[in-house]
Amino acid sequence: MANPPRFFSVTASGTLNTLVAGTITGGTAIKTYDVEPGTLSVLATVDAETENITVTVLWQVSTDNSTYYTMTPVNNAANIVIATGTSGADAAVSKVYPAPDGVMGWPYVRAAVTNAMATGAAADTYSLTTKYVRRSNF
């Protein structure tokens, strides 16, 4: 009888307060040797309140858990904006982003957000819940 899958998740959240446009804010690092290939994804929830701010979700990889590099999608397409702030109250947006297959060739991986077009404020929030099935050691 096979063992049931072991689902794991870890959440990082915060605000974009005082972060200038172009800042990348990383979520929690995951060691890829713990991840069953094909199961890594992130549930990203973003509330962009500052007028004209845009927030994008992306994946980053590292060899040392210190210096991170942005992993582009397989077709080298640009990462898509998840939320844009307007002058009124904006609802939070939630989407699931699967990790590109290439992340498995690196020791560490994390989801991240980047804000563009405007400096963030305390009302600009994010939550990154990384989910995966833990690799079996059998």
C-alpha atoms as a PDB file:
ATOM      1  CA  MET A   1       0.000   0.000   0.000  1.00  0.00           C
ATOM      2  CA  ALA A   2       1.402   3.365  -1.001  1.00  0.00           C
ATOM      3  CA  ASN A   3       1.883   6.113   1.541  1.00  0.00           C
ATOM      4  CA  PRO A   4      -0.462   9.088   1.079  1.00  0.00           C
ATOM      5  CA  PRO A   5       1.159  12.261  -0.253  1.00  0.00           C
ATOM      6  CA  ARG A   6       2.535  14.648   2.339  1.00  0.00           C
ATOM      7  CA  PHE A   7       1.238  18.106   1.510  1.00  0.00           C
ATOM      8  CA  PHE A   8       3.245  21.044   2.811  1.00  0.00           C
ATOM      9  CA  SER A   9       2.692  24.771   2.743  1.00  0.00           C
ATOM     10  CA  VAL A  10       4.545  27.790   4.079  1.00  0.00           C
ATOM     11  CA  THR A  11       3.310  31.389   4.040  1.00  0.00           C
ATOM     12  CA  ALA A  12       5.169  34.684   3.895  1.00  0.00           C
ATOM     13  CA  SER A  13       3.226  37.934   4.042  1.00  0.00           C
ATOM     14  CA  GLY A  14       3.790  41.612   4.537  1.00  0.00           C
ATOM     15  CA  THR A  15       3.365  45.088   3.138  1.00  0.00           C
ATOM     16  CA  LEU A  16       5.115  46.999   0.387  1.00  0.00           C
ATOM     17  CA  ASN A  17       5.340  50.059   2.638  1.00  0.00           C
ATOM     18  CA  THR A  18       8.164  52.440   1.521  1.00  0.00           C
ATOM     19  CA  LEU A  19       9.459  49.958  -1.071  1.00  0.00           C
ATOM     20  CA  VAL A  20      10.405  51.888  -4.195  1.00  0.00           C
ATOM     21  CA  ALA A  21       9.270  50.763  -7.629  1.00  0.00           C
ATOM     22  CA  GLY A  22      11.306  47.818  -8.865  1.00  0.00           C
ATOM     23  CA  THR A  23      11.870  46.262  -5.437  1.00  0.00           C
ATOM     24  CA  ILE A  24      11.662  42.468  -5.324  1.00  0.00           C
ATOM     25  CA  THR A  25      10.359  41.058  -2.038  1.00  0.00           C
ATOM     26  CA  GLY A  26      11.073  37.359  -1.593  1.00  0.00           C
ATOM     27  CA  GLY A  27       8.884  34.830   0.128  1.00  0.00           C
ATOM     28  CA  THR A  28      10.095  31.861   2.156  1.00  0.00           C
ATOM     29  CA  ALA A  29      12.885  29.788   0.596  1.00  0.00           C
ATOM     30  CA  ILE A  30      12.202  26.118  -0.070  1.00  0.00           C
ATOM     31  CA  LYS A  31      14.916  23.453  -0.457  1.00  0.00           C
ATOM     32  CA  THR A  32      14.138  21.786  -3.764  1.00  0.00           C
ATOM     33  CA  TYR A  33      15.388  18.373  -2.629  1.00  0.00           C
ATOM     34  CA  ASP A  34      12.277  18.272  -0.393  1.00  0.00           C
ATOM     35  CA  VAL A  35       9.900  18.889  -3.318  1.00  0.00           C
ATOM     36  CA  GLU A  36       8.281  16.217  -5.461  1.00  0.00           C
ATOM     37  CA  PRO A  37       8.831  17.437  -9.056  1.00  0.00           C
ATOM     38  CA  GLY A  38       5.764  18.978 -10.648  1.00  0.00           C
ATOM     39  CA  THR A  39       4.000  19.842  -7.377  1.00  0.00           C
ATOM     40  CA  LEU A  40       5.425  23.269  -6.473  1.00  0.00           C
ATOM     41  CA  SER A  41       3.084  26.259  -6.722  1.00  0.00           C
ATOM     42  CA  VAL A  42       2.259  29.459  -4.873  1.00  0.00           C
ATOM     43  CA  LEU A  43      -1.095  30.925  -3.921  1.00  0.00           C
ATOM     44  CA  ALA A  44      -0.489  34.667  -4.184  1.00  0.00           C
ATOM     45  CA  THR A  45      -2.919  37.151  -2.669  1.00  0.00           C
ATOM     46  CA  VAL A  46      -2.238  40.824  -3.348  1.00  0.00           C
ATOM     47  CA  ASP A  47      -4.116  43.953  -2.341  1.00  0.00           C
ATOM     48  CA  ALA A  48      -2.737  46.904  -4.335  1.00  0.00           C
ATOM     49  CA  GLU A  49      -4.191  50.124  -2.932  1.00  0.00           C
ATOM     50  CA  THR A  50      -1.677  52.801  -3.942  1.00  0.00           C
ATOM     51  CA  GLU A  51      -2.779  54.555  -7.114  1.00  0.00           C
ATOM     52  CA  ASN A  52      -0.895  53.271 -10.194  1.00  0.00           C
ATOM     53  CA  ILE A  53       1.162  50.678  -8.295  1.00  0.00           C
ATOM     54  CA  THR A  54       1.439  47.332 -10.086  1.00  0.00           C
ATOM     55  CA  VAL A  55       2.393  44.083  -8.384  1.00  0.00           C
ATOM     56  CA  THR A  56       3.816  41.046 -10.167  1.00  0.00           C
ATOM     57  CA  VAL A  57       4.458  37.527  -8.859  1.00  0.00           C
ATOM     58  CA  LEU A  58       7.607  35.714  -9.959  1.00  0.00           C
ATOM     59  CA  TRP A  59       9.841  32.762  -9.074  1.00  0.00           C
ATOM     60  CA  GLN A  60      13.462  33.053  -7.967  1.00  0.00           C
ATOM     61  CA  VAL A  61      16.243  30.472  -7.548  1.00  0.00           C
ATOM     62  CA  SER A  62      19.509  30.379  -5.617  1.00  0.00           C
ATOM     63  CA  THR A  63      22.551  28.195  -5.074  1.00  0.00           C
ATOM     64  CA  ASP A  64      23.314  29.562  -1.597  1.00  0.00           C
ATOM     65  CA  ASN A  65      19.993  30.912  -0.206  1.00  0.00           C
ATOM     66  CA  SER A  66      21.538  34.382  -0.303  1.00  0.00           C
ATOM     67  CA  THR A  67      21.791  35.581  -3.895  1.00  0.00           C
ATOM     68  CA  TYR A  68      18.584  35.015  -5.865  1.00  0.00           C
ATOM     69  CA  TYR A  69      17.996  35.054  -9.616  1.00  0.00           C
ATOM     70  CA  THR A  70      14.645  35.518 -11.317  1.00  0.00           C
ATOM     71  CA  MET A  71      13.488  32.413 -13.196  1.00  0.00           C
ATOM     72  CA  THR A  72      11.683  33.303 -16.401  1.00  0.00           C
ATOM     73  CA  PRO A  73       8.780  31.243 -17.713  1.00  0.00           C
ATOM     74  CA  VAL A  74       9.702  28.499 -20.177  1.00  0.00           C
ATOM     75  CA  ASN A  75       8.810  30.647 -23.217  1.00  0.00           C
ATOM     76  CA  ASN A  76      10.735  33.651 -21.801  1.00  0.00           C
ATOM     77  CA  ALA A  77       7.497  35.605 -21.570  1.00  0.00           C
ATOM     78  CA  ALA A  78       7.185  38.493 -19.155  1.00  0.00           C
ATOM     79  CA  ASN A  79       5.681  37.831 -15.741  1.00  0.00           C
ATOM     80  CA  ILE A  80       2.085  39.084 -15.599  1.00  0.00           C
ATOM     81  CA  VAL A  81       0.826  41.804 -13.257  1.00  0.00           C
ATOM     82  CA  ILE A  82      -1.542  40.334 -10.656  1.00  0.00           C
ATOM     83  CA  ALA A  83      -2.928  43.637  -9.341  1.00  0.00           C
ATOM     84  CA  THR A  84      -2.954  47.355 -10.136  1.00  0.00           C
ATOM     85  CA  GLY A  85      -3.899  50.045  -7.623  1.00  0.00           C
ATOM     86  CA  THR A  86      -6.557  52.603  -8.480  1.00  0.00           C
ATOM     87  CA  SER A  87      -7.760  55.748  -6.759  1.00  0.00           C
ATOM     88  CA  GLY A  88     -10.561  53.866  -4.963  1.00  0.00           C
ATOM     89  CA  ALA A  89     -10.658  50.860  -2.680  1.00  0.00           C
ATOM     90  CA  ASP A  90      -9.398  47.753  -4.448  1.00  0.00           C
ATOM     91  CA  ALA A  91     -10.287  44.151  -3.692  1.00  0.00           C
ATOM     92  CA  ALA A  92      -7.544  41.628  -3.012  1.00  0.00           C
ATOM     93  CA  VAL A  93      -6.663  39.380  -5.946  1.00  0.00           C
ATOM     94  CA  SER A  94      -5.684  35.713  -5.478  1.00  0.00           C
ATOM     95  CA  LYS A  95      -4.096  33.487  -8.117  1.00  0.00           C
ATOM     96  CA  VAL A  96      -2.111  30.246  -8.179  1.00  0.00           C
ATOM     97  CA  TYR A  97       1.215  30.227 -10.036  1.00  0.00           C
ATOM     98  CA  PRO A  98       2.949  26.915 -10.799  1.00  0.00           C
ATOM     99  CA  ALA A  99       6.733  26.955 -10.560  1.00  0.00           C
ATOM    100  CA  PRO A 100       8.651  26.595 -13.832  1.00  0.00           C
ATOM    101  CA  ASP A 101      10.256  23.150 -14.207  1.00  0.00           C
ATOM    102  CA  GLY A 102      13.725  24.718 -14.236  1.00  0.00           C
ATOM    103  CA  VAL A 103      13.572  25.589 -10.537  1.00  0.00           C
ATOM    104  CA  MET A 104      14.269  21.942  -9.694  1.00  0.00           C
ATOM    105  CA  GLY A 105      17.845  22.336 -10.970  1.00  0.00           C
ATOM    106  CA  TRP A 106      18.655  24.771  -8.149  1.00  0.00           C
ATOM    107  CA  PRO A 107      19.089  24.052  -4.419  1.00  0.00           C
ATOM    108  CA  TYR A 108      16.700  26.832  -3.299  1.00  0.00           C
ATOM    109  CA  VAL A 109      13.542  28.358  -4.728  1.00  0.00           C
ATOM    110  CA  ARG A 110      11.120  31.034  -3.553  1.00  0.00           C
ATOM    111  CA  ALA A 111       8.139  32.943  -4.844  1.00  0.00           C
ATOM    112  CA  ALA A 112       8.436  36.718  -4.767  1.00  0.00           C
ATOM    113  CA  VAL A 113       6.524  39.899  -5.558  1.00  0.00           C
ATOM    114  CA  THR A 114       7.771  43.032  -7.216  1.00  0.00           C
ATOM    115  CA  ASN A 115       6.094  46.406  -7.207  1.00  0.00           C
ATOM    116  CA  ALA A 116       6.396  48.806 -10.118  1.00  0.00           C
ATOM    117  CA  MET A 117       5.215  52.252 -11.155  1.00  0.00           C
ATOM    118  CA  ALA A 118       4.970  53.629  -7.588  1.00  0.00           C
ATOM    119  CA  THR A 119       6.411  53.353  -4.092  1.00  0.00           C
ATOM    120  CA  GLY A 120       4.361  51.042  -1.902  1.00  0.00           C
ATOM    121  CA  ALA A 121       2.334  52.015   1.151  1.00  0.00           C
ATOM    122  CA  ALA A 122       1.179  50.170   4.259  1.00  0.00           C
ATOM    123  CA  ALA A 123      -2.143  49.351   2.559  1.00  0.00           C
ATOM    124  CA  ASP A 124      -0.348  47.458  -0.248  1.00  0.00           C
ATOM    125  CA  THR A 125      -0.188  43.902   1.071  1.00  0.00           C
ATOM    126  CA  TYR A 126       0.834  40.477  -0.163  1.00  0.00           C
ATOM    127  CA  SER A 127       0.646  36.885   0.995  1.00  0.00           C
ATOM    128  CA  LEU A 128       2.609  34.083  -0.687  1.00  0.00           C
ATOM    129  CA  THR A 129       1.585  30.559   0.335  1.00  0.00           C
ATOM    130  CA  THR A 130       3.986  28.109  -1.268  1.00  0.00           C
ATOM    131  CA  LYS A 131       2.536  24.605  -1.579  1.00  0.00           C
ATOM    132  CA  TYR A 132       4.102  21.297  -2.575  1.00  0.00           C
ATOM    133  CA  VAL A 133       4.123  17.563  -2.001  1.00  0.00           C
ATOM    134  CA  ARG A 134       7.159  16.443  -0.030  1.00  0.00           C
ATOM    135  CA  ARG A 135       9.447  14.067  -1.882  1.00  0.00           C
ATOM    136  CA  SER A 136       9.362  10.514  -0.605  1.00  0.00           C
ATOM    137  CA  ASN A 137      12.656   9.069   0.597  1.00  0.00           C
ATOM    138  CA  PHE A 138      11.634   5.515  -0.333  1.00  0.00           C
END
